[in-house]
Amino acid sequence: MNILIQISYTSNDNKVMHQGSFPLKRKTKEEVAFEFWSWIKKEHPYECEIEKVIVDGEDITEKVKELAKAPLD
């Protein structure tokens, strides 16, 4: 099953939006959105700040922000 993820963020005082369709592959939609967000941050030379995360029409911004704050195992 694929999900559509839209991430809006600011980078270097610019508002940007990336979106894509991703398979769940035994992960939650929050985990897949966080992986997409991590990839976006790695691709930018400037600091990025997340504004909104929409997955299949549902706002999961706070859940993704919580994953970003969680320590890595």
Protein backbone atom coordinates (compact mmCIF):
# COMPACT_ATOMS: atom_id res chain seq x y z
CA MET A 1 0.00 0.00 0.00
CA ASN A 2 1.31 3.45 -0.92
CA ILE A 3 0.71 6.71 0.94
CA LEU A 4 0.98 10.28 -0.36
CA ILE A 5 3.17 12.52 1.80
CA GLN A 6 3.34 16.33 1.51
CA ILE A 7 5.91 18.14 3.64
CA SER A 8 5.96 21.94 3.86
CA TYR A 9 9.02 23.55 5.43
CA THR A 10 11.18 26.66 5.48
CA SER A 11 14.80 26.72 4.40
CA ASN A 12 16.94 29.84 4.19
CA ASP A 13 13.80 32.04 4.62
CA ASN A 14 12.04 30.29 1.71
CA LYS A 15 8.85 28.26 1.97
CA VAL A 16 9.15 24.92 0.18
CA MET A 17 6.90 21.89 -0.32
CA HIS A 18 7.97 18.36 -1.31
CA GLN A 19 5.61 15.50 -1.94
CA GLY A 20 5.81 11.90 -3.01
CA SER A 21 4.16 8.50 -2.93
CA PHE A 22 5.81 5.91 -0.68
CA PRO A 23 5.16 2.26 0.23
CA LEU A 24 4.55 1.51 3.91
CA LYS A 25 6.63 -1.72 3.97
CA ARG A 26 5.66 -2.71 7.53
CA LYS A 27 6.20 0.82 8.87
CA THR A 28 3.75 3.38 10.20
CA LYS A 29 2.89 6.41 8.12
CA GLU A 30 4.68 8.56 10.70
CA GLU A 31 7.90 6.55 10.31
CA VAL A 32 7.78 6.81 6.51
CA ALA A 33 7.09 10.57 6.70
CA PHE A 34 10.00 10.98 9.14
CA GLU A 35 12.33 9.10 6.77
CA PHE A 36 11.23 11.39 3.92
CA TRP A 37 11.83 14.44 6.15
CA SER A 38 15.30 13.14 7.11
CA TRP A 39 16.14 12.71 3.42
CA ILE A 40 14.97 16.27 2.64
CA LYS A 41 17.15 17.70 5.43
CA LYS A 42 20.22 15.81 4.16
CA GLU A 43 19.72 17.22 0.66
CA HIS A 44 19.76 20.85 1.82
CA PRO A 45 22.91 22.81 2.63
CA TYR A 46 20.88 25.10 4.92
CA GLU A 47 18.92 24.44 8.09
CA CYS A 48 15.33 23.31 7.46
CA GLU A 49 12.35 23.79 9.77
CA ILE A 50 9.27 21.65 9.32
CA GLU A 51 5.97 23.49 8.97
CA LYS A 52 3.35 20.87 8.07
CA VAL A 53 3.21 17.16 7.24
CA ILE A 54 0.13 15.82 5.46
CA VAL A 55 -0.30 12.09 4.78
CA ASP A 56 -3.30 11.12 2.66
CA GLY A 57 -5.13 14.28 3.79
CA GLU A 58 -4.33 13.84 7.51
CA ASP A 59 -2.12 16.34 9.38
CA ILE A 60 0.54 14.37 11.29
CA THR A 61 2.97 17.24 11.84
CA GLU A 62 3.21 16.85 15.62
CA LYS A 63 3.81 13.09 15.40
CA VAL A 64 6.69 13.59 12.96
CA LYS A 65 8.16 16.36 15.13
CA GLU A 66 8.07 13.97 18.11
CA LEU A 67 9.96 11.35 16.11
CA ALA A 68 12.55 13.99 15.17
CA LYS A 69 13.11 14.81 18.86
CA ALA A 70 13.34 11.17 19.98
CA PRO A 71 16.83 9.79 20.63
CA LEU A 72 18.13 7.25 18.14
CA ASP A 73 18.56 3.68 19.40
